[in-house]
Amino acid sequence: MLKDLKIENVAVIEKAEAEFSPGLNVLTGETGAGKSILIDSINAILGNRTSRDLVRTGAAKACIRATFSDLPDPVRAQLAEAGYEAGDELLLYREISAEGKSNCRINGMPATAAMLRDISAGLINIHGQHDNQNLTNPARHLALLDLYAQNEGLYGEYRALYRQLIAVKRQADALQMDENEKQRRMELLRFQMEEIESAAPRPEEEEELAARRQVLSHAQAILEQVSAAQAALAGGDDFNGAADLLGGASSQLEGAAELDETLRPASEKLAELYYTARELATDLADRLEGYGLDPQELDRVEQRLDELYRLKHKYGGSVDKVLEYAASARAELEGIEQADETLARLNAEKQALYRKAREKAEALTQSRLGAFAALEQQLVEACTFLNMPGVRFTLQHSRGPLAGSGQDTLEFYISPNPGEAPKPLAKIASGGELSRIMLALKSALAEKDSIGTVIYDEIDTGVSGSAAGRIGQKLKQTSRGRQVICITHTAQIAAQADRHLLIRKNVEEERTYTRLYPLDGEGRVEELARIISGDQITPIALANAREMLGL
């Protein structure tokens, strides 16, 4: 139940607070006083989309706070699952800056607008002025009937089967191809695989070839420089190399170290240099023998690199990509070759899923047909009470191919008067009739959920006289089991209120302000009289107001 609503700097409302009670809460006021702003504020606190235009001119931000009590168990479970404390009351807060940024909180903890929207879905149901027109749209009738049927479990089972059926069907369709196309595809895959496999590229081969090409391209310079370095170390027939010279120096210093121990470290270092030089000389000699350069090798390397380049150009930007393509081509070829077997399996699975989905769809159909029988009886009773005697509802229904919502195509038809053939709501129901039908439907649906608060924004559109009085009585009846908040221009409805709030717009110092005032006693009498007679409140209007209120 919505306990109170606090609004700051929302459009023409600088600051306002409204306290609501159990039962029927009515808000009245002149056209343009700000009743729609109140609905916009409630929509904002429920996490719906907002605009920075909602912020009062000159203000930095708009703030909306709503307190709820008597929370339904599903909402408590949602709060706990989302990590919020679920005490006796729930505080929702939303702030909209002049730049359009939004800040939301649940019980003082940060939240997102999506979280507000999910949680508040179980708190408030708003019936807006456009909902009457939605009632004439046949596309909405199936969802309304499912809501009344409370068949979420059955619907979920059907949807799961239907999704599996569609997935299997897509797999089967992907395998089905023309036989000629199939042969062409297999031949292309085989050619591509043979081309790659005959080339037999290896990972990192391209890098190895590039390094070898570098060596071969500078072979003569490498040989000359390595040979000179080896000769400088090892020496020749007519000269000593660095290794020999280091060996002689090492022998001399070793002898000196025998006489002077302080020379021992230097002697050891010099001996180490000698052995290192000898090893390098031997290693370079081995390298010179190992080069064994073939004059034709560079051409062969260049040809191989060209071959790898052509493969990369056709099948990927690297050798690894070429190998990946070969693997995928092999897998696709195997899949096509085994397609008949796979397709037979998928078709069998598809048929089994189709049978199961059709059975669930039929069960869903029966739940809808049974629900409409009960709904039609409730609607007739409610509409009869709402001054629509003789009304009759029928369901235009047909079964068709399986779809996301089942196999049903349906539309509500109505015969508002005895002897008239049922016709679509859009073709036969007036604005006032639609308002009463919607109220009857909302009342029936309200019995099927745990939502504690229902808001009606001008449910009395197109209705006056005794019909308006009956709407007021129906709202009063509905409010016995839940909180009802109704914005109305009709005195007959306002007279039924358990709590009456007046929305009034004033101009002060060239600024417009809207405020909320709780009414009781004479305040209610004057407001009902204003609704009855307009600005010039007459004694007769006052007397009528007192009579409506039983005063």
Protein backbone atom coordinates (compact mmCIF):
# COMPACT_ATOMS: atom_id res chain seq x y z
CA MET A 1 0.00 0.00 0.00
CA LEU A 2 1.24 3.51 -0.87
CA LYS A 3 1.49 5.28 2.48
CA ASP A 4 2.76 8.69 1.42
CA LEU A 5 4.29 10.54 -1.51
CA LYS A 6 6.65 13.54 -1.23
CA ILE A 7 7.47 15.66 -4.27
CA GLU A 8 9.98 18.51 -4.61
CA ASN A 9 10.57 20.68 -7.68
CA VAL A 10 8.54 18.57 -10.09
CA ALA A 11 7.12 20.82 -12.86
CA VAL A 12 4.82 23.35 -11.15
CA ILE A 13 5.02 21.54 -7.81
CA GLU A 14 7.66 23.19 -5.64
CA LYS A 15 6.96 21.03 -2.61
CA ALA A 16 4.02 18.77 -1.87
CA GLU A 17 3.21 15.82 0.32
CA ALA A 18 0.27 13.45 0.08
CA GLU A 19 -0.71 10.86 2.64
CA PHE A 20 -2.87 7.98 1.47
CA SER A 21 -5.05 5.66 3.48
CA PRO A 22 -6.39 2.14 2.95
CA GLY A 23 -9.56 2.01 0.90
CA LEU A 24 -10.59 4.54 -1.74
CA ASN A 25 -8.43 7.65 -2.13
CA VAL A 26 -9.76 10.30 -4.50
CA LEU A 27 -7.88 13.25 -6.02
CA THR A 28 -9.84 16.08 -7.58
CA GLY A 29 -8.98 19.49 -8.95
CA GLU A 30 -9.57 21.76 -11.89
CA THR A 31 -8.24 20.83 -15.32
CA GLY A 32 -4.56 21.80 -15.52
CA ALA A 33 -4.10 21.88 -11.75
CA GLY A 34 -1.36 19.25 -11.90
CA LYS A 35 -3.05 15.87 -11.57
CA SER A 36 -1.06 14.52 -14.53
CA ILE A 37 2.13 15.74 -12.83
CA LEU A 38 1.23 13.61 -9.84
CA ILE A 39 0.88 10.56 -12.12
CA ASP A 40 4.21 11.43 -13.80
CA SER A 41 5.85 11.57 -10.36
CA ILE A 42 4.46 8.18 -9.39
CA ASN A 43 5.64 6.73 -12.71
CA ALA A 44 9.10 8.16 -12.02
CA ILE A 45 9.32 6.59 -8.55
CA LEU A 46 8.27 3.29 -10.15
CA GLY A 47 11.41 3.39 -12.31
CA ASN A 48 9.80 4.39 -15.60
CA ARG A 49 11.51 6.62 -18.13
CA THR A 50 11.63 10.31 -17.25
CA SER A 51 12.80 13.54 -18.81
CA ARG A 52 14.72 16.48 -17.41
CA ASP A 53 11.66 18.53 -18.41
CA LEU A 54 10.10 17.12 -15.23
CA VAL A 55 12.45 19.36 -13.17
CA ARG A 56 10.89 22.65 -12.07
CA THR A 57 12.27 25.68 -13.94
CA GLY A 58 15.22 27.17 -12.05
CA ALA A 59 15.70 24.13 -9.78
CA ALA A 60 18.83 21.98 -9.81
CA LYS A 61 16.96 18.73 -9.35
CA ALA A 62 13.59 17.11 -8.72
CA CYS A 63 13.14 14.69 -5.81
CA ILE A 64 10.40 12.11 -5.33
CA ARG A 65 9.97 9.88 -2.27
CA ALA A 66 7.36 7.18 -1.74
CA THR A 67 6.75 5.05 1.32
CA PHE A 68 4.97 1.69 1.07
CA SER A 69 3.61 -0.48 3.87
CA ASP A 70 2.00 -3.94 4.06
CA LEU A 71 4.41 -5.27 1.45
CA PRO A 72 3.27 -8.38 -0.47
CA ASP A 73 5.36 -11.51 0.05
CA PRO A 74 6.63 -11.58 -3.57
CA VAL A 75 7.99 -8.04 -3.16
CA ARG A 76 9.68 -9.00 0.12
CA ALA A 77 11.29 -11.95 -1.65
CA GLN A 78 12.52 -9.69 -4.47
CA LEU A 79 14.01 -7.23 -2.01
CA ALA A 80 15.82 -9.97 -0.11
CA GLU A 81 17.15 -11.52 -3.32
CA ALA A 82 18.44 -8.12 -4.47
CA GLY A 83 20.20 -7.56 -1.13
CA TYR A 84 17.85 -4.97 0.39
CA GLU A 85 16.36 -5.11 3.85
CA ALA A 86 12.63 -5.87 3.77
CA GLY A 87 11.22 -4.34 6.96
CA ASP A 88 7.72 -3.18 7.75
CA GLU A 89 8.02 -0.32 5.27
CA LEU A 90 9.73 0.31 1.94
CA LEU A 91 11.16 3.71 0.96
CA LEU A 92 11.75 4.43 -2.72
CA TYR A 93 13.64 7.56 -3.74
CA ARG A 94 14.39 9.05 -7.13
CA GLU A 95 16.23 12.21 -8.04
CA ILE A 96 16.31 13.75 -11.53
CA SER A 97 18.85 16.49 -12.19
CA ALA A 98 18.33 19.43 -14.52
CA GLU A 99 20.89 17.76 -16.81
CA GLY A 100 18.71 14.65 -17.01
CA LYS A 101 20.78 12.39 -14.74
CA SER A 102 18.91 10.04 -12.42
CA ASN A 103 19.76 8.80 -8.93
CA CYS A 104 17.70 6.03 -7.31
CA ARG A 105 17.64 4.52 -3.83
CA ILE A 106 15.79 1.66 -2.16
CA ASN A 107 15.63 1.93 1.63
CA GLY A 108 18.52 4.39 1.44
CA MET A 109 20.76 2.04 -0.55
CA PRO A 110 21.85 2.80 -4.15
CA ALA A 111 19.71 1.25 -6.88
CA THR A 112 19.02 1.53 -10.59
CA ALA A 113 15.82 2.57 -12.33
CA ALA A 114 15.50 -1.02 -13.55
CA MET A 115 15.56 -2.27 -9.95
CA LEU A 116 12.85 0.24 -8.99
CA ARG A 117 10.81 -0.91 -11.97
CA ASP A 118 11.12 -4.62 -11.12
CA ILE A 119 10.28 -4.22 -7.45
CA SER A 120 7.47 -1.68 -7.88
CA ALA A 121 5.75 -3.94 -10.45
CA GLY A 122 4.42 -5.85 -7.47
CA LEU A 123 3.35 -2.71 -5.60
CA ILE A 124 1.25 -0.55 -7.92
CA ASN A 125 -0.89 -1.05 -11.00
CA ILE A 126 -1.63 2.18 -12.88
CA HIS A 127 -4.59 2.44 -15.22
CA GLY A 128 -3.93 5.42 -17.50
CA GLN A 129 -6.32 7.25 -19.79
CA HIS A 130 -4.83 5.52 -22.83
CA ASP A 131 -5.61 2.05 -21.47
CA ASN A 132 -9.23 2.34 -22.64
CA GLN A 133 -7.98 2.60 -26.20
CA ASN A 134 -5.61 -0.33 -25.67
CA LEU A 135 -8.67 -2.38 -24.76
CA THR A 136 -9.88 -2.03 -28.35
CA ASN A 137 -6.64 -3.51 -29.68
CA PRO A 138 -7.13 -7.28 -30.24
CA ALA A 139 -3.39 -7.83 -29.82
CA ARG A 140 -3.80 -6.98 -26.12
CA HIS A 141 -6.67 -9.38 -25.46
CA LEU A 142 -4.54 -12.53 -25.30
CA ALA A 143 -2.25 -11.03 -22.63
CA LEU A 144 -5.26 -9.85 -20.60
CA LEU A 145 -6.85 -13.30 -20.74
CA ASP A 146 -3.57 -14.97 -19.70
CA LEU A 147 -3.31 -12.55 -16.79
CA TYR A 148 -6.79 -13.55 -15.64
CA ALA A 149 -6.12 -17.26 -16.26
CA GLN A 150 -2.97 -17.14 -14.08
CA ASN A 151 -1.37 -19.70 -16.41
CA GLU A 152 2.25 -18.53 -16.10
CA GLY A 153 3.51 -22.04 -15.31
CA LEU A 154 1.77 -23.64 -18.28
CA TYR A 155 2.80 -20.76 -20.52
CA GLY A 156 6.44 -21.12 -19.39
CA GLU A 157 6.42 -24.86 -20.13
CA TYR A 158 5.05 -24.21 -23.62
CA ARG A 159 7.58 -21.44 -24.29
CA ALA A 160 10.48 -23.71 -23.32
CA LEU A 161 9.30 -26.43 -25.72
CA TYR A 162 8.64 -23.90 -28.46
CA ARG A 163 12.16 -22.45 -28.16
CA GLN A 164 13.65 -25.96 -28.38
CA LEU A 165 11.50 -26.69 -31.43
CA ILE A 166 12.64 -23.52 -33.21
CA ALA A 167 16.31 -24.25 -32.41
CA VAL A 168 16.09 -27.79 -33.81
CA LYS A 169 14.18 -26.58 -36.87
CA ARG A 170 16.89 -24.04 -37.62
CA GLN A 171 19.57 -26.74 -37.38
CA ALA A 172 17.60 -28.98 -39.72
CA ASP A 173 16.97 -26.17 -42.20
CA ALA A 174 20.68 -25.37 -42.24
CA LEU A 175 21.46 -28.96 -43.29
CA GLN A 176 18.88 -29.08 -46.04
CA MET A 177 20.30 -27.99 -49.39
CA ASP A 178 19.91 -28.75 -53.05
CA GLU A 179 21.83 -31.89 -54.10
CA ASN A 180 23.74 -30.03 -56.84
CA GLU A 181 24.65 -27.27 -54.38
CA LYS A 182 25.71 -29.94 -51.92
CA GLN A 183 28.07 -31.56 -54.49
CA ARG A 184 29.51 -28.17 -55.51
CA ARG A 185 30.20 -27.30 -51.89
CA MET A 186 31.85 -30.65 -51.18
CA GLU A 187 34.08 -30.34 -54.26
CA LEU A 188 35.17 -26.84 -53.25
CA LEU A 189 35.95 -27.95 -49.70
CA ARG A 190 37.95 -30.94 -50.93
CA PHE A 191 39.96 -28.74 -53.33
CA GLN A 192 40.73 -26.25 -50.58
CA MET A 193 41.75 -28.95 -48.13
CA GLU A 194 43.99 -30.68 -50.72
CA GLU A 195 45.63 -27.36 -51.62
CA ILE A 196 46.45 -26.61 -47.98
CA GLU A 197 47.44 -30.17 -47.10
CA SER A 198 49.70 -30.54 -50.13
CA ALA A 199 51.49 -27.34 -49.15
CA ALA A 200 51.71 -28.68 -45.58
CA PRO A 201 52.40 -25.36 -43.86
CA ARG A 202 53.77 -25.54 -40.32
CA PRO A 203 53.28 -23.13 -37.45
CA GLU A 204 56.24 -20.72 -37.18
CA GLU A 205 57.57 -21.98 -40.54
CA GLU A 206 57.29 -18.54 -42.09
CA GLU A 207 59.42 -16.99 -39.35
CA GLU A 208 62.06 -19.70 -39.75
CA LEU A 209 62.20 -19.18 -43.53
CA ALA A 210 62.46 -15.42 -43.15
CA ALA A 211 65.43 -15.85 -40.79
CA ARG A 212 67.07 -18.33 -43.22
CA ARG A 213 66.56 -15.93 -46.12
CA GLN A 214 68.32 -13.23 -44.13
CA VAL A 215 71.32 -15.52 -43.71
CA LEU A 216 71.39 -16.64 -47.34
CA SER A 217 71.02 -13.11 -48.66
CA HIS A 218 74.23 -12.07 -46.84
CA ALA A 219 76.09 -15.37 -46.99
CA GLN A 220 79.37 -14.06 -48.49
CA ALA A 221 79.74 -11.23 -46.00
CA ILE A 222 78.91 -13.60 -43.12
CA LEU A 223 81.51 -16.15 -44.27
CA GLU A 224 84.25 -13.53 -44.69
CA GLN A 225 83.62 -11.94 -41.31
CA VAL A 226 83.30 -15.23 -39.38
CA SER A 227 86.44 -16.59 -41.12
CA ALA A 228 88.44 -13.47 -40.22
CA ALA A 229 87.23 -13.67 -36.61
CA GLN A 230 88.21 -17.38 -36.40
CA ALA A 231 91.65 -16.69 -37.86
CA ALA A 232 92.24 -13.83 -35.43
CA LEU A 233 91.51 -16.17 -32.56
CA ALA A 234 93.19 -19.37 -33.81
CA GLY A 235 96.04 -17.89 -35.85
CA GLY A 236 97.61 -19.27 -39.03
CA ASP A 237 100.76 -20.93 -40.42
CA ASP A 238 102.81 -17.74 -40.26
CA PHE A 239 101.24 -15.88 -37.30
CA ASN A 240 99.94 -16.52 -33.84
CA GLY A 241 96.30 -15.88 -33.00
CA ALA A 242 94.81 -14.24 -29.96
CA ALA A 243 94.29 -17.62 -28.26
CA ASP A 244 97.99 -18.51 -28.61
CA LEU A 245 99.06 -15.10 -27.33
CA LEU A 246 96.68 -15.40 -24.37
CA GLY A 247 98.09 -18.90 -23.69
CA GLY A 248 101.68 -17.58 -23.61
CA ALA A 249 100.71 -14.69 -21.36
CA SER A 250 98.83 -17.05 -19.07
CA SER A 251 101.91 -19.34 -18.73
CA GLN A 252 104.16 -16.41 -17.88
CA LEU A 253 101.77 -15.00 -15.29
CA GLU A 254 101.18 -18.41 -13.75
CA GLY A 255 104.96 -18.73 -13.20
CA ALA A 256 105.05 -15.33 -11.55
CA ALA A 257 102.13 -16.30 -9.33
CA GLU A 258 104.20 -19.21 -8.00
CA LEU A 259 106.58 -16.61 -6.60
CA ASP A 260 103.99 -13.95 -5.64
CA GLU A 261 100.62 -15.22 -4.43
CA THR A 262 99.07 -11.79 -4.87
CA LEU A 263 99.21 -12.41 -8.64
CA ARG A 264 97.08 -15.55 -8.34
CA PRO A 265 93.69 -13.89 -9.09
CA ALA A 266 95.04 -12.18 -12.19
CA SER A 267 96.61 -15.43 -13.34
CA GLU A 268 93.30 -17.28 -12.99
CA LYS A 269 91.40 -14.61 -14.94
CA LEU A 270 93.98 -14.71 -17.72
CA ALA A 271 93.75 -18.51 -17.87
CA GLU A 272 89.94 -18.22 -18.13
CA LEU A 273 90.28 -15.79 -21.02
CA TYR A 274 92.63 -18.22 -22.76
CA TYR A 275 90.22 -21.16 -22.51
CA THR A 276 87.29 -18.97 -23.63
CA ALA A 277 89.25 -17.81 -26.69
CA ARG A 278 90.15 -21.42 -27.59
CA GLU A 279 86.48 -22.50 -27.29
CA LEU A 280 85.30 -19.61 -29.46
CA ALA A 281 87.90 -20.41 -32.10
CA THR A 282 86.77 -24.05 -32.20
CA ASP A 283 83.07 -23.05 -32.29
CA LEU A 284 83.60 -20.64 -35.19
CA ALA A 285 85.52 -23.31 -37.10
CA ASP A 286 82.57 -25.68 -36.66
CA ARG A 287 80.16 -22.97 -37.80
CA LEU A 288 82.18 -22.36 -40.96
CA GLU A 289 82.04 -26.06 -41.80
CA GLY A 290 78.32 -26.22 -41.01
CA TYR A 291 77.25 -23.41 -43.26
CA GLY A 292 77.72 -25.54 -46.34
CA LEU A 293 75.83 -22.94 -48.40
CA ASP A 294 73.92 -24.22 -51.42
CA PRO A 295 73.71 -21.58 -54.20
CA GLN A 296 70.14 -22.80 -55.04
CA GLU A 297 68.84 -22.72 -51.46
CA LEU A 298 67.91 -19.03 -51.55
CA ASP A 299 65.65 -19.63 -54.56
CA ARG A 300 63.95 -22.52 -52.80
CA VAL A 301 63.35 -20.40 -49.68
CA GLU A 302 61.90 -17.57 -51.77
CA GLN A 303 59.58 -19.98 -53.58
CA ARG A 304 58.32 -21.45 -50.30
CA LEU A 305 57.67 -18.00 -48.88
CA ASP A 306 55.70 -17.12 -52.02
CA GLU A 307 53.65 -20.29 -51.65
CA LEU A 308 52.82 -19.45 -48.02
CA TYR A 309 51.92 -15.89 -49.06
CA ARG A 310 49.38 -17.19 -51.63
CA LEU A 311 47.82 -19.49 -49.01
CA LYS A 312 47.54 -16.63 -46.52
CA HIS A 313 45.98 -14.41 -49.17
CA LYS A 314 43.28 -17.02 -49.88
CA TYR A 315 42.60 -18.49 -46.45
CA GLY A 316 43.75 -16.06 -43.78
CA GLY A 317 46.30 -13.46 -42.71
CA SER A 318 48.71 -15.94 -41.15
CA VAL A 319 49.80 -19.56 -41.38
CA ASP A 320 47.85 -20.27 -38.18
CA LYS A 321 44.69 -18.87 -39.84
CA VAL A 322 45.32 -21.08 -42.88
CA LEU A 323 45.54 -24.13 -40.64
CA GLU A 324 42.36 -23.09 -38.80
CA TYR A 325 40.55 -22.74 -42.13
CA ALA A 326 41.68 -26.22 -43.15
CA ALA A 327 40.32 -27.64 -39.88
CA SER A 328 36.96 -25.88 -40.30
CA ALA A 329 36.72 -27.01 -43.95
CA ARG A 330 37.39 -30.59 -42.86
CA ALA A 331 34.70 -30.34 -40.16
CA GLU A 332 32.19 -28.84 -42.60
CA LEU A 333 32.92 -31.53 -45.18
CA GLU A 334 32.43 -34.24 -42.58
CA GLY A 335 29.20 -32.56 -41.51
CA ILE A 336 27.87 -32.50 -45.07
CA GLU A 337 28.89 -36.11 -45.64
CA GLN A 338 27.03 -37.06 -42.46
CA ALA A 339 24.16 -34.61 -43.08
CA ASP A 340 21.63 -37.26 -44.06
CA GLU A 341 22.11 -39.12 -40.81
CA THR A 342 22.11 -35.88 -38.75
CA LEU A 343 19.10 -34.53 -40.63
CA ALA A 344 17.13 -37.69 -39.98
CA ARG A 345 17.92 -37.42 -36.27
CA LEU A 346 16.96 -33.73 -36.18
CA ASN A 347 13.72 -34.34 -38.04
CA ALA A 348 12.77 -37.07 -35.57
CA GLU A 349 13.61 -34.74 -32.68
CA LYS A 350 11.62 -31.95 -34.34
CA GLN A 351 8.56 -34.13 -34.73
CA ALA A 352 8.74 -35.25 -31.08
CA LEU A 353 9.10 -31.64 -29.89
CA TYR A 354 6.27 -30.53 -32.16
CA ARG A 355 3.92 -33.12 -30.65
CA LYS A 356 4.85 -32.07 -27.12
CA ALA A 357 4.54 -28.37 -27.95
CA ARG A 358 1.17 -28.93 -29.63
CA GLU A 359 -0.07 -30.75 -26.52
CA LYS A 360 1.08 -27.89 -24.28
CA ALA A 361 -0.45 -25.37 -26.68
CA GLU A 362 -3.77 -27.19 -26.48
CA ALA A 363 -3.57 -27.22 -22.68
CA LEU A 364 -2.84 -23.49 -22.84
CA THR A 365 -5.85 -23.03 -25.13
CA GLN A 366 -8.13 -24.88 -22.72
CA SER A 367 -6.88 -22.76 -19.82
CA ARG A 368 -7.74 -19.64 -21.81
CA LEU A 369 -11.16 -20.85 -22.87
CA GLY A 370 -11.99 -21.86 -19.31
CA ALA A 371 -10.74 -18.54 -17.98
CA PHE A 372 -12.86 -16.60 -20.47
CA ALA A 373 -15.99 -18.44 -19.36
CA ALA A 374 -15.38 -17.29 -15.78
CA LEU A 375 -14.22 -13.82 -16.88
CA GLU A 376 -17.27 -13.28 -19.07
CA GLN A 377 -19.56 -14.00 -16.14
CA GLN A 378 -17.69 -11.51 -13.93
CA LEU A 379 -17.69 -8.87 -16.67
CA VAL A 380 -21.43 -9.24 -17.26
CA GLU A 381 -22.16 -8.94 -13.55
CA ALA A 382 -19.88 -5.91 -13.16
CA CYS A 383 -21.15 -4.17 -16.31
CA THR A 384 -24.75 -4.80 -15.28
CA PHE A 385 -23.98 -3.13 -11.97
CA LEU A 386 -22.34 -0.27 -13.91
CA ASN A 387 -25.59 0.53 -15.79
CA MET A 388 -24.90 -1.66 -18.80
CA PRO A 389 -27.76 -4.18 -18.49
CA GLY A 390 -28.08 -6.83 -21.18
CA VAL A 391 -24.42 -6.66 -22.11
CA ARG A 392 -22.93 -9.87 -23.47
CA PHE A 393 -19.31 -10.80 -24.17
CA THR A 394 -18.10 -13.48 -26.57
CA LEU A 395 -14.70 -14.73 -27.60
CA GLN A 396 -13.76 -14.95 -31.25
CA HIS A 397 -11.20 -17.74 -31.18
CA SER A 398 -9.32 -19.85 -33.70
CA ARG A 399 -6.42 -22.26 -33.60
CA GLY A 400 -3.50 -21.70 -35.91
CA PRO A 401 0.16 -22.64 -36.36
CA LEU A 402 2.32 -22.71 -33.27
CA ALA A 403 3.77 -19.33 -32.36
CA GLY A 404 5.49 -17.73 -29.42
CA SER A 405 2.25 -17.32 -27.46
CA GLY A 406 0.71 -20.66 -28.43
CA GLN A 407 -1.74 -21.59 -31.16
CA ASP A 408 -4.52 -19.11 -30.33
CA THR A 409 -5.81 -16.09 -32.18
CA LEU A 410 -8.55 -14.40 -30.20
CA GLU A 411 -10.49 -11.18 -29.75
CA PHE A 412 -13.08 -9.97 -27.27
CA TYR A 413 -16.47 -9.18 -28.84
CA ILE A 414 -19.31 -7.37 -27.13
CA SER A 415 -23.04 -6.98 -27.57
CA PRO A 416 -24.00 -3.99 -25.38
CA ASN A 417 -27.74 -4.40 -25.93
CA PRO A 418 -30.05 -7.44 -26.19
CA GLY A 419 -30.73 -8.49 -29.76
CA GLU A 420 -27.51 -7.03 -31.17
CA ALA A 421 -24.90 -9.32 -32.69
CA PRO A 422 -21.53 -9.26 -30.92
CA LYS A 423 -18.95 -7.06 -32.62
CA PRO A 424 -15.36 -5.95 -31.90
CA LEU A 425 -15.02 -3.52 -28.99
CA ALA A 426 -13.52 -0.87 -31.24
CA LYS A 427 -16.61 -0.86 -33.49
CA ILE A 428 -19.40 -0.86 -30.95
CA ALA A 429 -18.28 0.47 -27.55
CA SER A 430 -18.48 4.21 -26.79
CA GLY A 431 -15.95 6.04 -24.61
CA GLY A 432 -18.17 5.73 -21.56
CA GLU A 433 -18.80 2.05 -22.21
CA LEU A 434 -15.08 1.42 -22.61
CA SER A 435 -14.43 3.10 -19.26
CA ARG A 436 -16.92 0.85 -17.53
CA ILE A 437 -15.73 -2.30 -19.32
CA MET A 438 -12.14 -1.46 -18.35
CA LEU A 439 -13.15 -0.94 -14.72
CA ALA A 440 -14.98 -4.27 -14.76
CA LEU A 441 -11.92 -5.96 -16.29
CA LYS A 442 -9.51 -4.33 -13.86
CA SER A 443 -11.71 -5.38 -10.94
CA ALA A 444 -11.69 -8.98 -12.17
CA LEU A 445 -7.93 -8.95 -12.69
CA ALA A 446 -7.34 -7.35 -9.28
CA GLU A 447 -8.67 -10.51 -7.63
CA LYS A 448 -5.93 -12.53 -9.33
CA ASP A 449 -2.84 -10.72 -8.04
CA SER A 450 -1.30 -9.52 -4.79
CA ILE A 451 -0.68 -5.92 -5.89
CA GLY A 452 -1.80 -3.73 -3.03
CA THR A 453 -2.45 -0.45 -4.85
CA VAL A 454 -4.41 0.30 -8.02
CA ILE A 455 -4.40 3.80 -9.51
CA TYR A 456 -7.14 4.92 -11.90
CA ASP A 457 -6.40 8.05 -13.89
CA GLU A 458 -9.83 9.41 -14.90
CA ILE A 459 -11.63 6.06 -15.19
CA ASP A 460 -14.82 8.12 -15.50
CA THR A 461 -13.98 9.48 -18.97
CA GLY A 462 -17.20 9.78 -21.00
CA VAL A 463 -19.41 8.81 -18.04
CA SER A 464 -21.91 10.91 -16.09
CA GLY A 465 -25.11 10.64 -14.10
CA SER A 466 -26.11 7.33 -12.55
CA ALA A 467 -23.38 5.44 -14.43
CA ALA A 468 -20.78 7.61 -12.71
CA GLY A 469 -22.41 6.84 -9.37
CA ARG A 470 -22.20 3.13 -10.09
CA ILE A 471 -18.50 3.50 -11.01
CA GLY A 472 -17.95 5.16 -7.66
CA GLN A 473 -19.71 2.31 -5.88
CA LYS A 474 -17.68 -0.25 -7.83
CA LEU A 475 -14.45 1.51 -6.91
CA LYS A 476 -15.58 1.51 -3.30
CA GLN A 477 -16.25 -2.23 -3.49
CA THR A 478 -12.86 -2.86 -5.10
CA SER A 479 -11.08 -0.84 -2.41
CA ARG A 480 -12.30 -3.16 0.35
CA GLY A 481 -9.58 -5.65 -0.50
CA ARG A 482 -6.87 -3.21 -1.57
CA GLN A 483 -5.94 0.44 -1.83
CA VAL A 484 -7.49 2.33 -4.73
CA ILE A 485 -6.33 5.80 -5.80
CA CYS A 486 -8.58 7.53 -8.32
CA ILE A 487 -8.17 10.83 -10.15
CA THR A 488 -11.65 11.99 -11.11
CA HIS A 489 -13.75 14.91 -12.31
CA THR A 490 -16.99 13.30 -11.18
CA ALA A 491 -18.72 14.20 -7.93
CA GLN A 492 -20.47 10.82 -7.70
CA ILE A 493 -17.08 9.08 -7.55
CA ALA A 494 -15.44 11.64 -5.26
CA ALA A 495 -18.31 11.24 -2.77
CA GLN A 496 -17.33 7.60 -2.23
CA ALA A 497 -13.81 8.44 -1.02
CA ASP A 498 -12.35 7.28 2.26
CA ARG A 499 -9.75 10.02 1.80
CA HIS A 500 -10.18 13.04 -0.44
CA LEU A 501 -7.24 15.15 -1.68
CA LEU A 502 -7.61 18.41 -3.58
CA ILE A 503 -5.01 19.44 -6.15
CA ARG A 504 -4.99 23.23 -6.55
CA LYS A 505 -2.85 25.53 -8.69
CA ASN A 506 -2.02 29.08 -7.53
CA VAL A 507 0.01 31.95 -9.00
CA GLU A 508 2.22 33.76 -6.49
CA GLU A 509 4.74 36.44 -7.42
CA GLU A 510 4.48 35.50 -11.09
CA ARG A 511 5.30 31.83 -10.37
CA THR A 512 2.86 28.92 -10.59
CA TYR A 513 2.57 26.58 -7.62
CA THR A 514 0.55 23.39 -7.24
CA ARG A 515 -0.29 22.06 -3.80
CA LEU A 516 -2.20 19.15 -2.31
CA TYR A 517 -4.80 19.65 0.40
CA PRO A 518 -6.55 16.88 2.39
CA LEU A 519 -10.29 17.57 2.61
CA ASP A 520 -12.90 16.59 5.16
CA GLY A 521 -16.26 17.89 6.32
CA GLU A 522 -17.14 21.23 4.71
CA GLY A 523 -14.03 21.10 2.55
CA ARG A 524 -15.37 18.02 0.81
CA VAL A 525 -18.83 19.59 0.52
CA GLU A 526 -17.41 22.68 -1.21
CA GLU A 527 -15.23 20.62 -3.57
CA LEU A 528 -18.13 18.35 -4.60
CA ALA A 529 -20.29 21.43 -5.11
CA ARG A 530 -17.58 22.97 -7.33
CA ILE A 531 -17.45 19.80 -9.41
CA ILE A 532 -21.24 19.85 -9.75
CA SER A 533 -21.79 23.52 -10.58
CA GLY A 534 -18.40 24.94 -11.58
CA ASP A 535 -16.90 28.15 -10.23
CA GLN A 536 -20.27 29.58 -9.14
CA ILE A 537 -21.15 27.32 -6.24
CA THR A 538 -24.89 27.44 -5.68
CA PRO A 539 -26.92 26.47 -2.60
CA ILE A 540 -28.47 23.66 -4.60
CA ALA A 541 -25.01 22.31 -5.45
CA LEU A 542 -24.02 22.48 -1.79
CA ALA A 543 -27.20 20.64 -0.83
CA ASN A 544 -26.53 17.99 -3.45
CA ALA A 545 -22.98 17.60 -2.15
CA ARG A 546 -24.16 17.13 1.43
CA GLU A 547 -26.71 14.58 0.28
CA MET A 548 -24.00 12.63 -1.59
CA LEU A 549 -21.85 12.62 1.53
CA GLY A 550 -24.75 11.67 3.76
CA LEU A 551 -24.40 14.82 5.87
